[in-house]
N, C-alpha and C. Protein backbone atom coordinates (compact mmCIF):
# COMPACT_ATOMS: atom_id res chain seq x y z
N MET A 1 0.60 -6.53 -23.09
CA MET A 1 1.77 -6.55 -22.42
C MET A 1 1.32 -5.43 -21.13
N ALA A 2 0.02 -5.18 -21.17
CA ALA A 2 -0.35 -4.31 -19.81
C ALA A 2 -0.76 -5.43 -18.76
N ASP A 3 -0.73 -6.80 -18.88
CA ASP A 3 -1.19 -7.84 -17.90
C ASP A 3 0.25 -8.28 -17.29
N LEU A 4 1.55 -8.19 -17.88
CA LEU A 4 2.71 -8.47 -17.65
C LEU A 4 3.23 -8.24 -16.45
N LYS A 5 3.29 -9.07 -15.69
CA LYS A 5 3.91 -8.94 -14.16
C LYS A 5 5.21 -9.34 -14.34
N THR A 6 6.37 -8.55 -13.55
CA THR A 6 7.27 -9.20 -13.76
C THR A 6 8.39 -8.98 -11.99
N PRO A 7 9.36 -9.10 -11.83
CA PRO A 7 9.70 -9.03 -10.15
C PRO A 7 10.43 -7.35 -10.70
N PHE A 8 10.24 -6.70 -9.44
CA PHE A 8 10.97 -5.59 -9.37
C PHE A 8 12.55 -5.61 -9.55
N LEU A 9 13.48 -4.63 -10.25
CA LEU A 9 14.51 -4.69 -10.59
C LEU A 9 15.16 -4.00 -9.58
N THR A 10 16.20 -4.42 -8.97
CA THR A 10 17.12 -3.72 -7.88
C THR A 10 18.64 -3.82 -8.08
N ILE A 11 19.16 -2.81 -7.69
CA ILE A 11 20.95 -2.95 -7.32
C ILE A 11 21.15 -2.79 -5.85
N ASP A 12 22.25 -3.56 -5.60
CA ASP A 12 23.12 -3.62 -4.20
C ASP A 12 24.43 -3.40 -4.62
N ILE A 13 25.14 -2.86 -3.82
CA ILE A 13 26.44 -2.02 -4.04
C ILE A 13 27.32 -2.81 -2.56
N ILE A 14 28.32 -3.61 -2.81
CA ILE A 14 29.35 -3.80 -2.23
C ILE A 14 30.57 -2.80 -2.03
N ILE A 15 30.47 -1.57 -1.24
CA ILE A 15 31.20 -0.71 -1.30
C ILE A 15 32.26 -0.78 0.04
N ARG A 16 33.67 -1.04 -0.75
CA ARG A 16 35.10 -1.33 -0.11
C ARG A 16 35.28 0.33 0.30
N TYR A 17 35.49 0.54 1.20
CA TYR A 17 35.65 1.42 2.42
C TYR A 17 36.59 1.55 3.49
N LYS A 18 37.45 1.70 3.54
CA LYS A 18 38.65 1.81 4.93
C LYS A 18 38.61 0.18 5.13
N GLU A 19 39.39 -0.51 4.85
CA GLU A 19 39.77 -1.91 5.30
C GLU A 19 38.66 -2.50 5.70
N GLY A 20 37.19 -2.09 4.95
CA GLY A 20 35.88 -3.45 5.29
C GLY A 20 35.08 -2.87 4.24
N ILE A 21 33.65 -3.06 4.60
CA ILE A 21 32.72 -3.07 3.42
C ILE A 21 31.62 -2.25 4.20
N VAL A 22 30.79 -1.39 3.63
CA VAL A 22 29.56 -0.25 4.26
C VAL A 22 28.44 -1.22 4.25
N LEU A 23 27.93 -0.96 5.57
CA LEU A 23 26.49 -1.78 5.64
C LEU A 23 25.40 -0.25 5.86
N ILE A 24 24.63 -0.36 5.88
CA ILE A 24 23.50 0.77 6.53
C ILE A 24 22.62 0.18 7.37
N GLU A 25 22.04 1.08 8.49
CA GLU A 25 20.93 0.33 9.26
C GLU A 25 20.00 0.95 8.91
N ARG A 26 18.87 0.23 8.03
CA ARG A 26 17.92 0.54 7.55
C ARG A 26 16.82 1.40 8.68
N LYS A 27 16.02 2.23 8.16
CA LYS A 27 15.25 2.90 8.98
C LYS A 27 13.76 2.25 8.66
N ASN A 28 13.57 1.78 7.08
CA ASN A 28 12.34 1.10 7.18
C ASN A 28 12.19 -0.43 7.40
N TYR A 29 11.12 -1.12 7.06
CA TYR A 29 11.07 -2.60 7.37
C TYR A 29 11.50 -2.83 5.66
N PRO A 30 12.29 -4.21 5.84
CA PRO A 30 12.59 -4.87 6.64
C PRO A 30 13.82 -4.19 7.67
N HIS A 31 13.83 -4.22 8.84
CA HIS A 31 14.87 -3.36 9.62
C HIS A 31 16.01 -4.44 9.79
N GLY A 32 17.12 -3.75 10.06
CA GLY A 32 18.56 -4.59 10.18
C GLY A 32 19.77 -3.96 9.39
N TRP A 33 20.67 -4.34 9.06
CA TRP A 33 21.75 -3.79 8.29
C TRP A 33 21.88 -4.46 6.69
N ALA A 34 22.11 -3.58 6.14
CA ALA A 34 22.12 -4.38 4.55
C ALA A 34 22.95 -3.38 3.69
N LEU A 35 23.31 -3.75 2.52
CA LEU A 35 24.10 -3.66 1.65
C LEU A 35 23.25 -1.98 1.11
N PRO A 36 24.37 -1.11 0.98
CA PRO A 36 23.56 -0.01 0.54
C PRO A 36 22.95 -0.36 -1.20
N GLY A 37 21.65 -0.05 -1.28
CA GLY A 37 21.20 -0.32 -2.63
C GLY A 37 19.65 0.17 -2.88
N GLY A 38 19.14 -0.22 -3.89
CA GLY A 38 17.49 0.22 -4.06
C GLY A 38 17.19 0.22 -5.64
N PHE A 39 15.93 0.84 -5.67
CA PHE A 39 15.25 0.28 -7.21
C PHE A 39 15.77 1.40 -7.83
N VAL A 40 16.17 0.54 -9.39
CA VAL A 40 16.42 0.88 -10.69
C VAL A 40 15.17 1.76 -10.88
N ASP A 41 15.47 3.04 -11.21
CA ASP A 41 14.02 3.93 -11.88
C ASP A 41 14.05 3.94 -13.01
N MET A 42 12.97 4.08 -13.90
CA MET A 42 12.91 4.03 -15.14
C MET A 42 13.94 5.08 -15.91
N GLY A 43 14.17 4.46 -17.34
CA GLY A 43 15.58 5.12 -17.86
C GLY A 43 16.76 5.67 -17.31
N GLU A 44 16.86 4.70 -16.05
CA GLU A 44 18.41 4.75 -15.27
C GLU A 44 18.98 3.67 -15.67
N SER A 45 20.15 3.28 -16.18
CA SER A 45 21.07 2.21 -16.13
C SER A 45 20.93 1.75 -15.07
N LEU A 46 21.78 0.33 -14.71
CA LEU A 46 21.89 -0.25 -13.39
C LEU A 46 23.02 0.27 -12.81
N GLU A 47 24.08 0.99 -13.73
CA GLU A 47 25.64 1.42 -13.02
C GLU A 47 25.01 2.79 -12.11
N ASP A 48 24.30 3.64 -12.95
CA ASP A 48 24.00 4.74 -13.02
C ASP A 48 22.83 4.84 -11.52
N ALA A 49 21.97 3.47 -11.34
CA ALA A 49 21.23 3.47 -10.15
C ALA A 49 22.06 3.13 -8.81
N ALA A 50 23.43 2.36 -9.23
CA ALA A 50 24.04 2.32 -8.18
C ALA A 50 24.97 3.18 -7.62
N VAL A 51 25.48 3.98 -8.37
CA VAL A 51 26.25 5.02 -8.09
C VAL A 51 25.20 6.18 -7.34
N ARG A 52 23.89 6.48 -8.14
CA ARG A 52 23.15 7.26 -7.40
C ARG A 52 22.62 6.91 -5.53
N GLU A 53 22.38 5.37 -5.77
CA GLU A 53 21.85 4.85 -4.44
C GLU A 53 22.97 4.87 -3.09
N ALA A 54 24.07 4.46 -3.91
CA ALA A 54 25.74 4.57 -2.46
C ALA A 54 25.39 6.15 -2.36
N LYS A 55 25.42 6.73 -3.14
CA LYS A 55 25.38 8.53 -2.48
C LYS A 55 24.38 8.90 -1.70
N GLU A 56 23.30 8.28 -1.98
CA GLU A 56 22.10 8.58 -1.48
C GLU A 56 22.05 8.09 -0.01
N GLU A 57 22.63 6.91 0.48
CA GLU A 57 22.52 6.30 1.48
C GLU A 57 24.04 6.21 2.18
N THR A 58 25.11 6.50 1.56
CA THR A 58 26.07 6.51 2.37
C THR A 58 26.88 7.77 2.37
N SER A 59 26.68 8.53 1.52
CA SER A 59 27.40 9.99 1.39
C SER A 59 28.34 9.97 0.33
N LEU A 60 28.70 8.49 -0.16
CA LEU A 60 30.08 8.27 -0.63
C LEU A 60 30.17 8.47 -1.92
N ASP A 61 31.19 8.80 -2.74
CA ASP A 61 31.15 8.63 -4.14
C ASP A 61 31.65 7.21 -4.25
N VAL A 62 31.04 6.54 -5.30
CA VAL A 62 31.65 5.64 -5.28
C VAL A 62 31.99 4.98 -7.17
N VAL A 63 33.09 4.44 -7.11
CA VAL A 63 33.62 4.05 -8.53
C VAL A 63 33.46 2.44 -8.93
N LEU A 64 32.61 2.39 -9.68
CA LEU A 64 32.48 1.08 -9.70
C LEU A 64 33.21 0.23 -10.67
N LEU A 65 33.50 -1.26 -9.98
CA LEU A 65 34.93 -1.97 -10.64
C LEU A 65 34.17 -2.74 -10.97
N GLU A 66 33.40 -3.69 -10.81
CA GLU A 66 32.66 -4.72 -11.21
C GLU A 66 31.20 -5.04 -11.12
N GLN A 67 30.38 -5.71 -12.03
CA GLN A 67 29.19 -6.54 -11.65
C GLN A 67 29.40 -7.61 -11.07
N PHE A 68 29.26 -7.88 -9.92
CA PHE A 68 29.27 -8.97 -9.21
C PHE A 68 28.83 -10.26 -9.84
N TYR A 69 27.38 -10.20 -9.21
CA TYR A 69 26.55 -11.49 -9.04
C TYR A 69 25.09 -10.98 -9.00
N SER A 70 24.09 -11.89 -9.76
CA SER A 70 22.71 -11.46 -9.68
C SER A 70 21.93 -12.37 -8.72
N TYR A 71 21.40 -11.79 -7.84
CA TYR A 71 20.36 -12.49 -7.21
C TYR A 71 18.86 -12.45 -7.02
N SER A 72 17.98 -13.64 -6.93
CA SER A 72 16.76 -13.31 -7.49
C SER A 72 15.62 -14.53 -7.24
N LYS A 73 16.17 -14.98 -5.99
CA LYS A 73 15.26 -15.71 -5.12
C LYS A 73 14.22 -15.47 -4.68
N PRO A 74 12.68 -16.06 -5.07
CA PRO A 74 11.60 -15.16 -5.01
C PRO A 74 11.27 -14.34 -3.34
N ASP A 75 11.78 -14.97 -2.41
CA ASP A 75 11.56 -15.11 -1.30
C ASP A 75 12.65 -14.17 -0.78
N ARG A 76 13.78 -13.42 -1.75
CA ARG A 76 14.74 -12.63 -0.89
C ARG A 76 14.27 -11.29 -0.13
N ASP A 77 13.23 -10.73 -0.91
CA ASP A 77 12.82 -9.74 -0.25
C ASP A 77 11.41 -10.07 0.58
N PRO A 78 11.17 -9.67 1.77
CA PRO A 78 9.61 -10.29 2.30
C PRO A 78 8.83 -9.56 1.81
N ARG A 79 8.93 -8.61 1.15
CA ARG A 79 7.66 -7.69 0.68
C ARG A 79 7.05 -8.14 -0.56
N PHE A 80 8.14 -8.40 -1.55
CA PHE A 80 7.77 -8.78 -2.86
C PHE A 80 8.99 -9.11 -3.64
N HIS A 81 8.92 -9.73 -4.65
CA HIS A 81 9.57 -10.49 -5.47
C HIS A 81 10.65 -9.37 -6.24
N THR A 82 12.00 -9.09 -5.69
CA THR A 82 13.09 -8.63 -6.50
C THR A 82 14.03 -9.40 -7.00
N VAL A 83 14.51 -8.63 -8.19
CA VAL A 83 15.88 -9.52 -8.81
C VAL A 83 17.10 -8.16 -8.50
N SER A 84 18.06 -8.73 -7.81
CA SER A 84 19.29 -7.63 -7.61
C SER A 84 20.33 -7.80 -8.15
N VAL A 85 20.75 -6.91 -9.23
CA VAL A 85 22.16 -6.78 -9.54
C VAL A 85 23.29 -6.27 -8.57
N VAL A 86 24.24 -7.16 -8.28
CA VAL A 86 24.97 -6.65 -7.24
C VAL A 86 26.28 -5.91 -7.88
N PHE A 87 26.92 -5.15 -7.56
CA PHE A 87 27.93 -4.25 -7.88
C PHE A 87 29.22 -4.39 -6.92
N ILE A 88 30.73 -4.36 -7.29
CA ILE A 88 31.78 -4.08 -6.44
C ILE A 88 32.15 -2.63 -6.62
N GLY A 89 32.77 -1.96 -6.00
CA GLY A 89 32.98 -0.54 -5.77
C GLY A 89 33.40 -0.07 -4.98
N ASP A 90 34.53 1.11 -5.05
CA ASP A 90 35.36 1.38 -4.05
C ASP A 90 34.59 2.79 -3.51
N GLY A 91 34.55 3.34 -2.36
CA GLY A 91 33.88 4.00 -1.72
C GLY A 91 35.03 5.76 -1.42
N LYS A 92 34.55 6.49 -1.76
CA LYS A 92 35.48 7.75 -1.55
C LYS A 92 34.64 9.06 -0.55
N GLY A 93 35.29 9.42 0.10
CA GLY A 93 34.48 11.01 1.04
C GLY A 93 34.27 10.28 2.35
N GLU A 94 33.42 10.95 3.10
CA GLU A 94 33.20 10.80 4.53
C GLU A 94 31.80 10.17 4.64
N LEU A 95 31.89 9.04 5.27
CA LEU A 95 30.86 7.80 5.57
C LEU A 95 29.78 8.61 6.08
N LYS A 96 28.26 8.77 6.01
CA LYS A 96 27.39 9.03 6.75
C LYS A 96 26.12 8.92 6.59
N GLY A 97 25.33 7.93 7.33
CA GLY A 97 24.27 7.40 7.13
C GLY A 97 22.61 8.39 6.13
N ARG A 98 22.17 8.25 5.45
CA ARG A 98 21.11 9.58 4.86
C ARG A 98 20.19 8.48 4.31
N ASP A 99 19.08 9.43 3.73
CA ASP A 99 18.02 9.02 2.87
C ASP A 99 17.14 7.94 3.91
N ASP A 100 17.00 6.71 3.41
CA ASP A 100 16.24 5.88 4.34
C ASP A 100 17.33 4.94 5.09
N ALA A 101 18.53 5.23 5.20
CA ALA A 101 19.45 4.90 5.86
C ALA A 101 19.78 5.37 7.44
N ARG A 102 19.66 4.87 8.76
CA ARG A 102 19.32 5.55 10.21
C ARG A 102 21.02 5.71 10.33
N ALA A 103 21.70 4.72 9.78
CA ALA A 103 23.40 4.65 9.63
C ALA A 103 23.89 4.02 8.65
N ALA A 104 25.44 4.44 8.56
CA ALA A 104 26.15 3.72 7.74
C ALA A 104 27.51 3.65 8.58
N GLN A 105 28.08 2.05 8.36
CA GLN A 105 29.12 2.00 9.40
C GLN A 105 30.11 0.80 8.36
N VAL A 106 31.48 0.51 8.49
CA VAL A 106 32.41 -0.16 8.31
C VAL A 106 32.35 -1.82 8.87
N PHE A 107 31.95 -2.63 8.09
CA PHE A 107 32.40 -3.88 8.84
C PHE A 107 33.52 -4.70 8.06
N THR A 108 34.19 -5.70 9.06
CA THR A 108 34.73 -6.68 8.20
C THR A 108 34.44 -8.06 8.24
N GLU A 109 34.63 -8.99 7.75
CA GLU A 109 34.25 -10.13 7.87
C GLU A 109 33.97 -10.70 8.97
N ASP A 110 35.21 -10.62 9.83
CA ASP A 110 34.91 -11.30 11.24
C ASP A 110 34.14 -10.49 12.14
N HIS A 111 33.68 -9.10 11.58
CA HIS A 111 33.03 -8.33 12.57
C HIS A 111 31.66 -7.81 11.73
N LEU A 112 30.81 -9.15 11.69
CA LEU A 112 29.53 -8.04 11.34
C LEU A 112 28.18 -8.49 12.06
N PRO A 113 27.13 -7.34 11.35
CA PRO A 113 26.10 -7.15 12.71
C PRO A 113 25.42 -8.54 12.63
N GLU A 114 24.84 -8.70 13.79
CA GLU A 114 23.79 -10.06 13.47
C GLU A 114 22.88 -10.18 12.84
N GLU A 115 22.00 -9.00 12.85
CA GLU A 115 20.76 -8.56 12.31
C GLU A 115 21.15 -8.12 10.67
N ILE A 116 20.95 -8.95 9.59
CA ILE A 116 21.30 -8.58 8.55
C ILE A 116 20.41 -8.81 7.53
N ALA A 117 19.57 -7.88 6.77
CA ALA A 117 18.46 -7.80 6.06
C ALA A 117 18.25 -8.75 5.02
N PHE A 118 17.28 -9.26 4.35
CA PHE A 118 17.05 -9.40 3.17
C PHE A 118 17.89 -10.84 2.99
N ASP A 119 18.80 -10.98 1.92
CA ASP A 119 19.48 -12.00 1.65
C ASP A 119 21.05 -11.64 1.33
N HIS A 120 21.12 -10.57 2.25
CA HIS A 120 22.50 -9.91 2.09
C HIS A 120 23.68 -10.35 3.03
N ARG A 121 23.10 -11.39 3.99
CA ARG A 121 24.27 -12.14 4.57
C ARG A 121 24.76 -13.25 3.53
N VAL A 122 24.37 -13.80 2.64
CA VAL A 122 24.54 -14.60 1.51
C VAL A 122 25.32 -13.61 0.56
N ILE A 123 24.97 -12.76 0.55
CA ILE A 123 25.67 -11.99 -0.62
C ILE A 123 27.30 -11.60 0.00
N ILE A 124 26.95 -11.14 1.21
CA ILE A 124 28.23 -10.74 1.72
C ILE A 124 29.32 -11.99 2.08
N ASP A 125 28.85 -13.30 2.07
CA ASP A 125 29.46 -14.27 2.38
C ASP A 125 30.09 -14.70 0.99
N ASP A 126 29.15 -14.44 -0.18
CA ASP A 126 29.91 -14.89 -1.42
C ASP A 126 31.02 -14.07 -1.78
N TYR A 127 30.66 -12.88 -1.27
CA TYR A 127 31.81 -11.60 -2.01
C TYR A 127 33.01 -11.96 -1.27
N PHE A 128 33.01 -12.17 0.23
CA PHE A 128 34.32 -12.83 1.36
C PHE A 128 35.05 -13.91 0.37
N HIS A 129 34.23 -14.61 -0.04
CA HIS A 129 34.81 -16.24 -0.65
C HIS A 129 35.15 -15.86 -2.06
N TYR A 130 34.47 -15.01 -2.83
CA TYR A 130 35.25 -14.51 -4.13
C TYR A 130 36.33 -13.64 -4.16
N MET A 131 36.67 -12.89 -2.63
CA MET A 131 38.08 -12.02 -2.71
C MET A 131 38.89 -12.93 -2.20
N LYS A 132 38.76 -13.90 -1.58
CA LYS A 132 39.73 -15.07 -1.26
C LYS A 132 40.11 -16.13 -2.55
N THR A 133 39.21 -16.62 -3.32
CA THR A 133 39.27 -17.72 -3.80
C THR A 133 39.47 -16.91 -5.82
N GLY A 134 38.90 -16.04 -5.82
CA GLY A 134 38.33 -15.52 -7.16
C GLY A 134 37.21 -16.34 -8.14
N LYS A 135 36.74 -17.38 -6.84
CA LYS A 135 35.46 -17.70 -7.64
C LYS A 135 34.62 -17.19 -7.49
N ARG A 136 33.73 -16.80 -8.45
CA ARG A 136 32.26 -16.58 -8.41
C ARG A 136 30.99 -17.42 -7.46
N PRO A 137 30.12 -16.82 -7.24
CA PRO A 137 29.28 -17.84 -6.85
C PRO A 137 28.62 -19.04 -7.66
N GLN A 138 28.33 -19.98 -7.21
CA GLN A 138 27.48 -21.28 -8.04
C GLN A 138 26.18 -20.29 -7.75
N ILE A 139 25.44 -20.86 -9.41
CA ILE A 139 23.86 -20.99 -9.64
C ILE A 139 23.61 -21.44 -7.97
N LYS A 140 22.08 -20.41 -7.51
CA LYS A 140 21.45 -21.00 -6.80
C LYS A 140 20.11 -20.92 -7.15
N ARG A 141 19.50 -22.26 -7.22
CA ARG A 141 18.07 -22.38 -6.84
C ARG A 141 17.16 -22.61 -5.84
């Protein structure tokens, strides 16, 4: 097992807040706007990681509603191979970018920033499609 190499496990959160969803402006590479999220710590559940990362990056308390989908394309993160489990949740509190977020802001489907990091534009598009149709994303290869 010492030679075992696997992708890094991450979570991302689609936080519903004030008639939109929350994106953070990243301080670090890769730059751009992104869903709040990050790496799952050893000994931490996916759900606990999602709530922790949401609080660290947005100052919001998040109630998770459902596990949405998993994204695993090897090139989804330009730094290394990650697998992300995406949650949908409702945010409560006062929105403020913190930790490795330069800023946090609410966006709607019709008003998204141009520069969105990672594969988060795909995730966001999948989310809005799901909200309209009730259909989850198709398996992507």
